[in-house]
Full PDB file with SEQRES, HELIX, SHEET, SSBOND, CRYST1, ORIGX, SCALE, CONECT and MASTER records, all heavy atoms in Angstrom:
SEQRES   1 A   36  ASP ALA VAL LEU ARG ASP VAL ALA ALA GLN ILE VAL GLY          
SEQRES   2 A   36  THR LEU ARG PRO THR ASP VAL VAL CYS ARG TYR GLY GLY          
SEQRES   3 A   36  GLU GLU ILE ILE ALA ILE LEU PRO ASP CYS                      
HELIX    1 AA1 ALA A    2  THR A   14  1                                  13    
SHEET    1 AA1 2 VAL A  20  GLY A  25  0                                        
SHEET    2 AA1 2 GLU A  28  ILE A  32 -1                                        
CRYST1    1.000    1.000    1.000  90.00  90.00  90.00 P 1           1          
ORIGX1      1.000000  0.000000  0.000000        0.00000                         
ORIGX2      0.000000  1.000000  0.000000        0.00000                         
ORIGX3      0.000000  0.000000  1.000000        0.00000                         
SCALE1      1.000000  0.000000  0.000000        0.00000                         
SCALE2      0.000000  1.000000  0.000000        0.00000                         
SCALE3      0.000000  0.000000  1.000000        0.00000                         
ATOM      1  N   ASP A   1     -10.042   5.316  10.897  1.00  0.00           N  
ATOM      2  CA  ASP A   1     -10.317   5.227   9.418  1.00  0.00           C  
ATOM      3  C   ASP A   1      -9.405   6.283   8.694  1.00  0.00           C  
ATOM      4  O   ASP A   1      -8.884   6.052   7.681  1.00  0.00           O  
ATOM      5  CB  ASP A   1     -11.674   5.532   9.123  1.00  0.00           C  
ATOM      6  CG  ASP A   1     -12.606   4.309   9.485  1.00  0.00           C  
ATOM      7  OD1 ASP A   1     -12.091   3.185   9.831  1.00  0.00           O  
ATOM      8  OD2 ASP A   1     -13.842   4.532   9.509  1.00  0.00           O  
ATOM      9  N   ALA A   2      -9.322   7.432   9.265  1.00  0.00           N  
ATOM     10  CA  ALA A   2      -8.490   8.465   8.701  1.00  0.00           C  
ATOM     11  C   ALA A   2      -7.091   8.204   8.676  1.00  0.00           C  
ATOM     12  O   ALA A   2      -6.316   8.519   7.642  1.00  0.00           O  
ATOM     13  CB  ALA A   2      -8.653   9.883   9.500  1.00  0.00           C  
ATOM     14  N   VAL A   3      -6.538   7.570   9.723  1.00  0.00           N  
ATOM     15  CA  VAL A   3      -5.207   7.098   9.714  1.00  0.00           C  
ATOM     16  C   VAL A   3      -5.032   6.001   8.736  1.00  0.00           C  
ATOM     17  O   VAL A   3      -3.929   6.018   7.989  1.00  0.00           O  
ATOM     18  CB  VAL A   3      -4.846   6.485  11.180  1.00  0.00           C  
ATOM     19  CG1 VAL A   3      -3.486   5.607  11.057  1.00  0.00           C  
ATOM     20  CG2 VAL A   3      -4.849   7.533  12.135  1.00  0.00           C  
ATOM     21  N   LEU A   4      -5.866   5.012   8.386  1.00  0.00           N  
ATOM     22  CA  LEU A   4      -5.764   4.036   7.520  1.00  0.00           C  
ATOM     23  C   LEU A   4      -5.643   4.706   6.046  1.00  0.00           C  
ATOM     24  O   LEU A   4      -4.855   4.136   5.156  1.00  0.00           O  
ATOM     25  CB  LEU A   4      -6.894   3.042   7.573  1.00  0.00           C  
ATOM     26  CG  LEU A   4      -6.757   1.867   8.559  1.00  0.00           C  
ATOM     27  CD1 LEU A   4      -7.981   1.164   8.625  1.00  0.00           C  
ATOM     28  CD2 LEU A   4      -5.512   0.965   8.251  1.00  0.00           C  
ATOM     29  N   ARG A   5      -6.477   5.643   5.764  1.00  0.00           N  
ATOM     30  CA  ARG A   5      -6.530   6.341   4.472  1.00  0.00           C  
ATOM     31  C   ARG A   5      -5.202   7.015   4.262  1.00  0.00           C  
ATOM     32  O   ARG A   5      -4.553   6.935   3.300  1.00  0.00           O  
ATOM     33  CB  ARG A   5      -7.649   7.271   4.464  1.00  0.00           C  
ATOM     34  CG  ARG A   5      -9.056   6.569   4.101  1.00  0.00           C  
ATOM     35  CD  ARG A   5     -10.091   7.683   3.763  1.00  0.00           C  
ATOM     36  NE  ARG A   5     -10.393   8.579   4.919  1.00  0.00           N  
ATOM     37  CZ  ARG A   5     -11.336   8.357   5.757  1.00  0.00           C  
ATOM     38  NH1 ARG A   5     -12.150   7.227   5.679  1.00  0.00           N  
ATOM     39  NH2 ARG A   5     -11.539   9.218   6.753  1.00  0.00           N  
ATOM     40  N   ASP A   6      -4.674   7.752   5.272  1.00  0.00           N  
ATOM     41  CA  ASP A   6      -3.383   8.444   5.157  1.00  0.00           C  
ATOM     42  C   ASP A   6      -2.300   7.461   5.003  1.00  0.00           C  
ATOM     43  O   ASP A   6      -1.334   7.726   4.188  1.00  0.00           O  
ATOM     44  CB  ASP A   6      -3.186   9.355   6.319  1.00  0.00           C  
ATOM     45  CG  ASP A   6      -3.932  10.721   6.153  1.00  0.00           C  
ATOM     46  OD1 ASP A   6      -4.540  10.883   5.112  1.00  0.00           O  
ATOM     47  OD2 ASP A   6      -3.894  11.351   7.223  1.00  0.00           O  
ATOM     48  N   VAL A   7      -2.264   6.374   5.684  1.00  0.00           N  
ATOM     49  CA  VAL A   7      -1.108   5.327   5.602  1.00  0.00           C  
ATOM     50  C   VAL A   7      -1.210   4.763   4.219  1.00  0.00           C  
ATOM     51  O   VAL A   7      -0.084   4.570   3.608  1.00  0.00           O  
ATOM     52  CB  VAL A   7      -1.375   4.247   6.740  1.00  0.00           C  
ATOM     53  CG1 VAL A   7      -0.456   3.089   6.349  1.00  0.00           C  
ATOM     54  CG2 VAL A   7      -1.032   4.863   8.090  1.00  0.00           C  
ATOM     55  N   ALA A   8      -2.374   4.473   3.640  1.00  0.00           N  
ATOM     56  CA  ALA A   8      -2.376   3.858   2.309  1.00  0.00           C  
ATOM     57  C   ALA A   8      -1.910   4.849   1.306  1.00  0.00           C  
ATOM     58  O   ALA A   8      -1.157   4.371   0.375  1.00  0.00           O  
ATOM     59  CB  ALA A   8      -3.970   3.573   2.001  1.00  0.00           C  
ATOM     60  N   ALA A   9      -2.186   6.101   1.479  1.00  0.00           N  
ATOM     61  CA  ALA A   9      -1.736   7.160   0.450  1.00  0.00           C  
ATOM     62  C   ALA A   9      -0.211   7.242   0.585  1.00  0.00           C  
ATOM     63  O   ALA A   9       0.527   7.441  -0.419  1.00  0.00           O  
ATOM     64  CB  ALA A   9      -2.386   8.464   0.843  1.00  0.00           C  
ATOM     65  N   GLN A  10       0.385   7.205   1.773  1.00  0.00           N  
ATOM     66  CA  GLN A  10       1.826   7.245   1.925  1.00  0.00           C  
ATOM     67  C   GLN A  10       2.520   5.988   1.390  1.00  0.00           C  
ATOM     68  O   GLN A  10       3.576   6.139   0.682  1.00  0.00           O  
ATOM     69  CB  GLN A  10       2.168   7.365   3.539  1.00  0.00           C  
ATOM     70  CG  GLN A  10       1.810   8.582   4.138  1.00  0.00           C  
ATOM     71  CD  GLN A  10       2.423   9.726   3.593  1.00  0.00           C  
ATOM     72  OE1 GLN A  10       3.528   9.775   3.115  1.00  0.00           O  
ATOM     73  NE2 GLN A  10       1.699  10.906   3.627  1.00  0.00           N  
ATOM     74  N   ILE A  11       1.899   4.872   1.504  1.00  0.00           N  
ATOM     75  CA  ILE A  11       2.570   3.693   0.883  1.00  0.00           C  
ATOM     76  C   ILE A  11       2.500   3.720  -0.608  1.00  0.00           C  
ATOM     77  O   ILE A  11       3.558   3.483  -1.296  1.00  0.00           O  
ATOM     78  CB  ILE A  11       1.753   2.436   1.402  1.00  0.00           C  
ATOM     79  CG1 ILE A  11       2.014   2.202   2.934  1.00  0.00           C  
ATOM     80  CG2 ILE A  11       2.276   1.126   0.669  1.00  0.00           C  
ATOM     81  CD1 ILE A  11       1.072   1.128   3.511  1.00  0.00           C  
ATOM     82  N   VAL A  12       1.398   4.127  -1.083  1.00  0.00           N  
ATOM     83  CA  VAL A  12       1.237   4.102  -2.658  1.00  0.00           C  
ATOM     84  C   VAL A  12       2.233   5.226  -3.092  1.00  0.00           C  
ATOM     85  O   VAL A  12       2.846   5.065  -4.228  1.00  0.00           O  
ATOM     86  CB  VAL A  12      -0.197   4.554  -3.104  1.00  0.00           C  
ATOM     87  CG1 VAL A  12      -0.279   4.868  -4.447  1.00  0.00           C  
ATOM     88  CG2 VAL A  12      -1.108   3.373  -2.679  1.00  0.00           C  
ATOM     89  N   GLY A  13       2.361   6.293  -2.436  1.00  0.00           N  
ATOM     90  CA  GLY A  13       3.247   7.409  -2.810  1.00  0.00           C  
ATOM     91  C   GLY A  13       4.760   7.020  -2.726  1.00  0.00           C  
ATOM     92  O   GLY A  13       5.568   7.611  -3.455  1.00  0.00           O  
ATOM     93  N   THR A  14       5.134   6.002  -1.987  1.00  0.00           N  
ATOM     94  CA  THR A  14       6.453   5.559  -1.833  1.00  0.00           C  
ATOM     95  C   THR A  14       6.821   4.529  -2.984  1.00  0.00           C  
ATOM     96  O   THR A  14       8.072   4.532  -3.433  1.00  0.00           O  
ATOM     97  CB  THR A  14       6.662   4.801  -0.504  1.00  0.00           C  
ATOM     98  OG1 THR A  14       6.324   5.654   0.545  1.00  0.00           O  
ATOM     99  CG2 THR A  14       8.197   4.466  -0.307  1.00  0.00           C  
ATOM    100  N   LEU A  15       5.895   3.776  -3.522  1.00  0.00           N  
ATOM    101  CA  LEU A  15       6.237   2.757  -4.342  1.00  0.00           C  
ATOM    102  C   LEU A  15       5.997   3.351  -5.727  1.00  0.00           C  
ATOM    103  O   LEU A  15       5.601   4.299  -6.202  1.00  0.00           O  
ATOM    104  CB  LEU A  15       5.317   1.529  -4.074  1.00  0.00           C  
ATOM    105  CG  LEU A  15       5.498   0.973  -2.676  1.00  0.00           C  
ATOM    106  CD1 LEU A  15       4.477  -0.126  -2.467  1.00  0.00           C  
ATOM    107  CD2 LEU A  15       6.968   0.457  -2.527  1.00  0.00           C  
ATOM    108  N   ARG A  16       6.428   2.289  -6.746  1.00  0.00           N  
ATOM    109  CA  ARG A  16       6.226   2.570  -8.176  1.00  0.00           C  
ATOM    110  C   ARG A  16       4.894   2.321  -8.744  1.00  0.00           C  
ATOM    111  O   ARG A  16       4.162   1.570  -8.172  1.00  0.00           O  
ATOM    112  CB  ARG A  16       7.305   1.592  -8.885  1.00  0.00           C  
ATOM    113  CG  ARG A  16       8.643   1.607  -8.556  1.00  0.00           C  
ATOM    114  CD  ARG A  16       9.471   0.457  -9.029  1.00  0.00           C  
ATOM    115  NE  ARG A  16       8.975  -0.842  -8.590  1.00  0.00           N  
ATOM    116  CZ  ARG A  16       9.383  -2.151  -8.892  1.00  0.00           C  
ATOM    117  NH1 ARG A  16      10.372  -2.086  -9.757  1.00  0.00           N  
ATOM    118  NH2 ARG A  16       8.854  -3.113  -8.452  1.00  0.00           N  
ATOM    119  N   PRO A  17       4.573   2.913  -9.730  1.00  0.00           N  
ATOM    120  CA  PRO A  17       3.185   2.689 -10.407  1.00  0.00           C  
ATOM    121  C   PRO A  17       2.955   1.152 -10.605  1.00  0.00           C  
ATOM    122  O   PRO A  17       1.821   0.784 -10.742  1.00  0.00           O  
ATOM    123  CB  PRO A  17       3.277   3.570 -11.732  1.00  0.00           C  
ATOM    124  CG  PRO A  17       4.274   4.689 -11.340  1.00  0.00           C  
ATOM    125  CD  PRO A  17       5.357   3.975 -10.495  1.00  0.00           C  
ATOM    126  N   THR A  18       4.082   0.376 -10.971  1.00  0.00           N  
ATOM    127  CA  THR A  18       3.887  -0.961 -11.366  1.00  0.00           C  
ATOM    128  C   THR A  18       3.668  -1.754 -10.030  1.00  0.00           C  
ATOM    129  O   THR A  18       3.390  -2.976 -10.322  1.00  0.00           O  
ATOM    130  CB  THR A  18       5.061  -1.444 -12.153  1.00  0.00           C  
ATOM    131  OG1 THR A  18       6.361  -1.129 -11.467  1.00  0.00           O  
ATOM    132  CG2 THR A  18       5.237  -0.820 -13.460  1.00  0.00           C  
ATOM    133  N   ASP A  19       4.016  -1.336  -9.009  1.00  0.00           N  
ATOM    134  CA  ASP A  19       3.693  -2.122  -7.718  1.00  0.00           C  
ATOM    135  C   ASP A  19       2.376  -2.164  -7.407  1.00  0.00           C  
ATOM    136  O   ASP A  19       1.518  -1.231  -7.689  1.00  0.00           O  
ATOM    137  CB  ASP A  19       4.606  -1.443  -6.546  1.00  0.00           C  
ATOM    138  CG  ASP A  19       6.043  -1.483  -6.817  1.00  0.00           C  
ATOM    139  OD1 ASP A  19       6.541  -2.325  -7.444  1.00  0.00           O  
ATOM    140  OD2 ASP A  19       6.719  -0.595  -6.299  1.00  0.00           O  
ATOM    141  N   VAL A  20       1.901  -3.245  -6.659  1.00  0.00           N  
ATOM    142  CA  VAL A  20       0.511  -3.382  -6.373  1.00  0.00           C  
ATOM    143  C   VAL A  20       0.319  -3.345  -4.917  1.00  0.00           C  
ATOM    144  O   VAL A  20       1.034  -4.203  -4.086  1.00  0.00           O  
ATOM    145  CB  VAL A  20      -0.010  -4.852  -6.937  1.00  0.00           C  
ATOM    146  CG1 VAL A  20      -1.448  -5.020  -6.524  1.00  0.00           C  
ATOM    147  CG2 VAL A  20       0.230  -4.817  -8.429  1.00  0.00           C  
ATOM    148  N   VAL A  21      -0.570  -2.482  -4.411  1.00  0.00           N  
ATOM    149  CA  VAL A  21      -0.706  -2.336  -2.926  1.00  0.00           C  
ATOM    150  C   VAL A  21      -2.148  -2.746  -2.559  1.00  0.00           C  
ATOM    151  O   VAL A  21      -3.114  -2.204  -3.251  1.00  0.00           O  
ATOM    152  CB  VAL A  21      -0.431  -0.849  -2.478  1.00  0.00           C  
ATOM    153  CG1 VAL A  21      -0.563  -0.762  -0.958  1.00  0.00           C  
ATOM    154  CG2 VAL A  21       0.925  -0.419  -2.978  1.00  0.00           C  
ATOM    155  N   CYS A  22      -2.322  -3.643  -1.655  1.00  0.00           N  
ATOM    156  CA  CYS A  22      -3.596  -4.103  -1.208  1.00  0.00           C  
ATOM    157  C   CYS A  22      -3.915  -4.096   0.200  1.00  0.00           C  
ATOM    158  O   CYS A  22      -2.934  -4.248   0.991  1.00  0.00           O  
ATOM    159  CB  CYS A  22      -3.731  -5.616  -1.835  1.00  0.00           C  
ATOM    160  SG  CYS A  22      -3.232  -5.941  -3.461  1.00  0.00           S  
ATOM    161  N   ARG A  23      -5.132  -3.930   0.551  1.00  0.00           N  
ATOM    162  CA  ARG A  23      -5.544  -4.046   1.934  1.00  0.00           C  
ATOM    163  C   ARG A  23      -5.726  -5.508   2.251  1.00  0.00           C  
ATOM    164  O   ARG A  23      -6.694  -6.096   1.708  1.00  0.00           O  
ATOM    165  CB  ARG A  23      -6.811  -3.198   2.376  1.00  0.00           C  
ATOM    166  CG  ARG A  23      -7.025  -3.231   3.761  1.00  0.00           C  
ATOM    167  CD  ARG A  23      -8.189  -2.268   3.990  1.00  0.00           C  
ATOM    168  NE  ARG A  23      -8.555  -2.329   5.560  1.00  0.00           N  
ATOM    169  CZ  ARG A  23      -9.631  -1.737   6.223  1.00  0.00           C  
ATOM    170  NH1 ARG A  23     -10.479  -1.233   5.336  1.00  0.00           N  
ATOM    171  NH2 ARG A  23      -9.769  -1.716   7.370  1.00  0.00           N  
ATOM    172  N   TYR A  24      -4.737  -6.161   3.027  1.00  0.00           N  
ATOM    173  CA  TYR A  24      -4.913  -7.615   3.342  1.00  0.00           C  
ATOM    174  C   TYR A  24      -6.061  -7.890   4.304  1.00  0.00           C  
ATOM    175  O   TYR A  24      -6.543  -9.081   4.227  1.00  0.00           O  
ATOM    176  CB  TYR A  24      -3.542  -8.033   3.812  1.00  0.00           C  
ATOM    177  CG  TYR A  24      -3.191  -9.511   3.679  1.00  0.00           C  
ATOM    178  CD1 TYR A  24      -3.241 -10.156   2.488  1.00  0.00           C  
ATOM    179  CD2 TYR A  24      -2.954 -10.247   4.906  1.00  0.00           C  
ATOM    180  CE1 TYR A  24      -3.027 -11.564   2.383  1.00  0.00           C  
ATOM    181  CE2 TYR A  24      -2.641 -11.571   4.755  1.00  0.00           C  
ATOM    182  CZ  TYR A  24      -2.746 -12.206   3.547  1.00  0.00           C  
ATOM    183  OH  TYR A  24      -2.479 -13.538   3.424  1.00  0.00           O  
ATOM    184  N   GLY A  25      -6.288  -6.958   5.183  1.00  0.00           N  
ATOM    185  CA  GLY A  25      -7.209  -7.330   6.216  1.00  0.00           C  
ATOM    186  C   GLY A  25      -7.168  -6.390   7.344  1.00  0.00           C  
ATOM    187  O   GLY A  25      -5.973  -6.288   7.897  1.00  0.00           O  
ATOM    188  N   GLY A  26      -8.082  -5.641   7.965  1.00  0.00           N  
ATOM    189  CA  GLY A  26      -7.866  -4.893   9.083  1.00  0.00           C  
ATOM    190  C   GLY A  26      -7.036  -3.841   8.783  1.00  0.00           C  
ATOM    191  O   GLY A  26      -7.140  -3.025   7.889  1.00  0.00           O  
ATOM    192  N   GLU A  27      -5.869  -3.735   9.679  1.00  0.00           N  
ATOM    193  CA  GLU A  27      -4.958  -2.734   9.499  1.00  0.00           C  
ATOM    194  C   GLU A  27      -3.590  -3.223   8.804  1.00  0.00           C  
ATOM    195  O   GLU A  27      -2.685  -2.687   8.866  1.00  0.00           O  
ATOM    196  CB  GLU A  27      -4.494  -2.173  10.983  1.00  0.00           C  
ATOM    197  CG  GLU A  27      -3.913  -3.111  11.936  1.00  0.00           C  
ATOM    198  CD  GLU A  27      -4.979  -3.977  12.678  1.00  0.00           C  
ATOM    199  OE1 GLU A  27      -6.009  -4.040  12.289  1.00  0.00           O  
ATOM    200  OE2 GLU A  27      -4.453  -4.506  13.744  1.00  0.00           O  
ATOM    201  N   GLU A  28      -3.753  -4.454   8.203  1.00  0.00           N  
ATOM    202  CA  GLU A  28      -2.665  -5.099   7.527  1.00  0.00           C  
ATOM    203  C   GLU A  28      -2.671  -4.832   6.008  1.00  0.00           C  
ATOM    204  O   GLU A  28      -3.746  -4.948   5.374  1.00  0.00           O  
ATOM    205  CB  GLU A  28      -2.630  -6.547   7.789  1.00  0.00           C  
ATOM    206  CG  GLU A  28      -1.339  -7.181   7.500  1.00  0.00           C  
ATOM    207  CD  GLU A  28      -1.204  -8.534   8.121  1.00  0.00           C  
ATOM    208  OE1 GLU A  28      -2.340  -9.171   8.290  1.00  0.00           O  
ATOM    209  OE2 GLU A  28      -0.153  -9.089   8.283  1.00  0.00           O  
ATOM    210  N   ILE A  29      -1.546  -4.361   5.492  1.00  0.00           N  
ATOM    211  CA  ILE A  29      -1.491  -4.010   4.051  1.00  0.00           C  
ATOM    212  C   ILE A  29      -0.316  -4.813   3.414  1.00  0.00           C  
ATOM    213  O   ILE A  29       0.640  -5.140   4.021  1.00  0.00           O  
ATOM    214  CB  ILE A  29      -1.243  -2.469   3.816  1.00  0.00           C  
ATOM    215  CG1 ILE A  29      -2.561  -1.698   4.289  1.00  0.00           C  
ATOM    216  CG2 ILE A  29      -0.954  -2.109   2.435  1.00  0.00           C  
ATOM    217  CD1 ILE A  29      -2.268  -0.280   4.397  1.00  0.00           C  
ATOM    218  N   ILE A  30      -0.565  -5.289   2.155  1.00  0.00           N  
ATOM    219  CA  ILE A  30       0.456  -5.976   1.418  1.00  0.00           C  
ATOM    220  C   ILE A  30       0.900  -5.209   0.258  1.00  0.00           C  
ATOM    221  O   ILE A  30       0.008  -4.800  -0.459  1.00  0.00           O  
ATOM    222  CB  ILE A  30       0.044  -7.450   1.264  1.00  0.00           C  
ATOM    223  CG1 ILE A  30       1.202  -8.180   0.534  1.00  0.00           C  
ATOM    224  CG2 ILE A  30      -1.179  -7.536   0.449  1.00  0.00           C  
ATOM    225  CD1 ILE A  30       0.991  -9.770   0.521  1.00  0.00           C  
ATOM    226  N   ALA A  31       2.166  -5.193  -0.105  1.00  0.00           N  
ATOM    227  CA  ALA A  31       2.733  -4.584  -1.338  1.00  0.00           C  
ATOM    228  C   ALA A  31       3.289  -5.654  -2.089  1.00  0.00           C  
ATOM    229  O   ALA A  31       4.268  -6.318  -1.547  1.00  0.00           O  
ATOM    230  CB  ALA A  31       3.566  -3.424  -0.996  1.00  0.00           C  
ATOM    231  N   ILE A  32       3.113  -5.780  -3.339  1.00  0.00           N  
ATOM    232  CA  ILE A  32       3.813  -6.729  -4.331  1.00  0.00           C  
ATOM    233  C   ILE A  32       4.604  -5.953  -5.192  1.00  0.00           C  
ATOM    234  O   ILE A  32       4.174  -5.006  -5.839  1.00  0.00           O  
ATOM    235  CB  ILE A  32       2.710  -7.483  -5.064  1.00  0.00           C  
ATOM    236  CG1 ILE A  32       1.730  -8.334  -4.131  1.00  0.00           C  
ATOM    237  CG2 ILE A  32       3.400  -8.608  -5.959  1.00  0.00           C  
ATOM    238  CD1 ILE A  32       0.606  -8.919  -4.885  1.00  0.00           C  
ATOM    239  N   LEU A  33       5.844  -6.240  -5.218  1.00  0.00           N  
ATOM    240  CA  LEU A  33       6.789  -5.479  -6.036  1.00  0.00           C  
ATOM    241  C   LEU A  33       7.495  -6.419  -7.083  1.00  0.00           C  
ATOM    242  O   LEU A  33       8.437  -7.171  -6.871  1.00  0.00           O  
ATOM    243  CB  LEU A  33       7.977  -4.959  -5.195  1.00  0.00           C  
ATOM    244  CG  LEU A  33       7.680  -3.760  -4.284  1.00  0.00           C  
ATOM    245  CD1 LEU A  33       6.563  -4.166  -3.240  1.00  0.00           C  
ATOM    246  CD2 LEU A  33       9.015  -3.271  -3.583  1.00  0.00           C  
ATOM    247  N   PRO A  34       6.994  -6.313  -8.279  1.00  0.00           N  
ATOM    248  CA  PRO A  34       7.531  -7.173  -9.433  1.00  0.00           C  
ATOM    249  C   PRO A  34       8.914  -6.631  -9.825  1.00  0.00           C  
ATOM    250  O   PRO A  34       9.152  -5.417  -9.665  1.00  0.00           O  
ATOM    251  CB  PRO A  34       6.554  -7.099 -10.550  1.00  0.00           C  
ATOM    252  CG  PRO A  34       5.840  -5.757 -10.316  1.00  0.00           C  
ATOM    253  CD  PRO A  34       5.824  -5.579  -8.829  1.00  0.00           C  
ATOM    254  N   ASP A  35       9.762  -7.583 -10.299  1.00  0.00           N  
ATOM    255  CA  ASP A  35      11.106  -7.190 -10.849  1.00  0.00           C  
ATOM    256  C   ASP A  35      11.787  -6.352  -9.681  1.00  0.00           C  
ATOM    257  O   ASP A  35      12.558  -5.441 -10.025  1.00  0.00           O  
ATOM    258  CB  ASP A  35      10.920  -6.346 -12.129  1.00  0.00           C  
ATOM    259  CG  ASP A  35      10.389  -7.008 -13.165  1.00  0.00           C  
ATOM    260  OD1 ASP A  35      10.617  -8.419 -13.272  1.00  0.00           O  
ATOM    261  OD2 ASP A  35       9.759  -6.493 -14.069  1.00  0.00           O  
ATOM    262  N   CYS A  36      11.754  -6.814  -8.495  1.00  0.00           N  
ATOM    263  CA  CYS A  36      12.365  -6.216  -7.417  1.00  0.00           C  
ATOM    264  C   CYS A  36      13.146  -7.194  -6.486  1.00  0.00           C  
ATOM    265  O   CYS A  36      12.514  -8.151  -5.968  1.00  0.00           O  
ATOM    266  CB  CYS A  36      11.386  -5.387  -6.593  1.00  0.00           C  
ATOM    267  SG  CYS A  36      12.050  -4.505  -5.092  1.00  0.00           S  
TER     268      CYS A  36                                                      
MASTER        0    0    0    1    2    0    0    6  267    1    0    3          
END                                                                             
């Protein structure tokens, strides 16, 4: 769980505020990047 939280924070920190980051299921995460 701690790894998942840190990974989520790292992904959000890498992307733009306009990008949308979602937990898709389990350990899978999806990022939507508009105008990219």
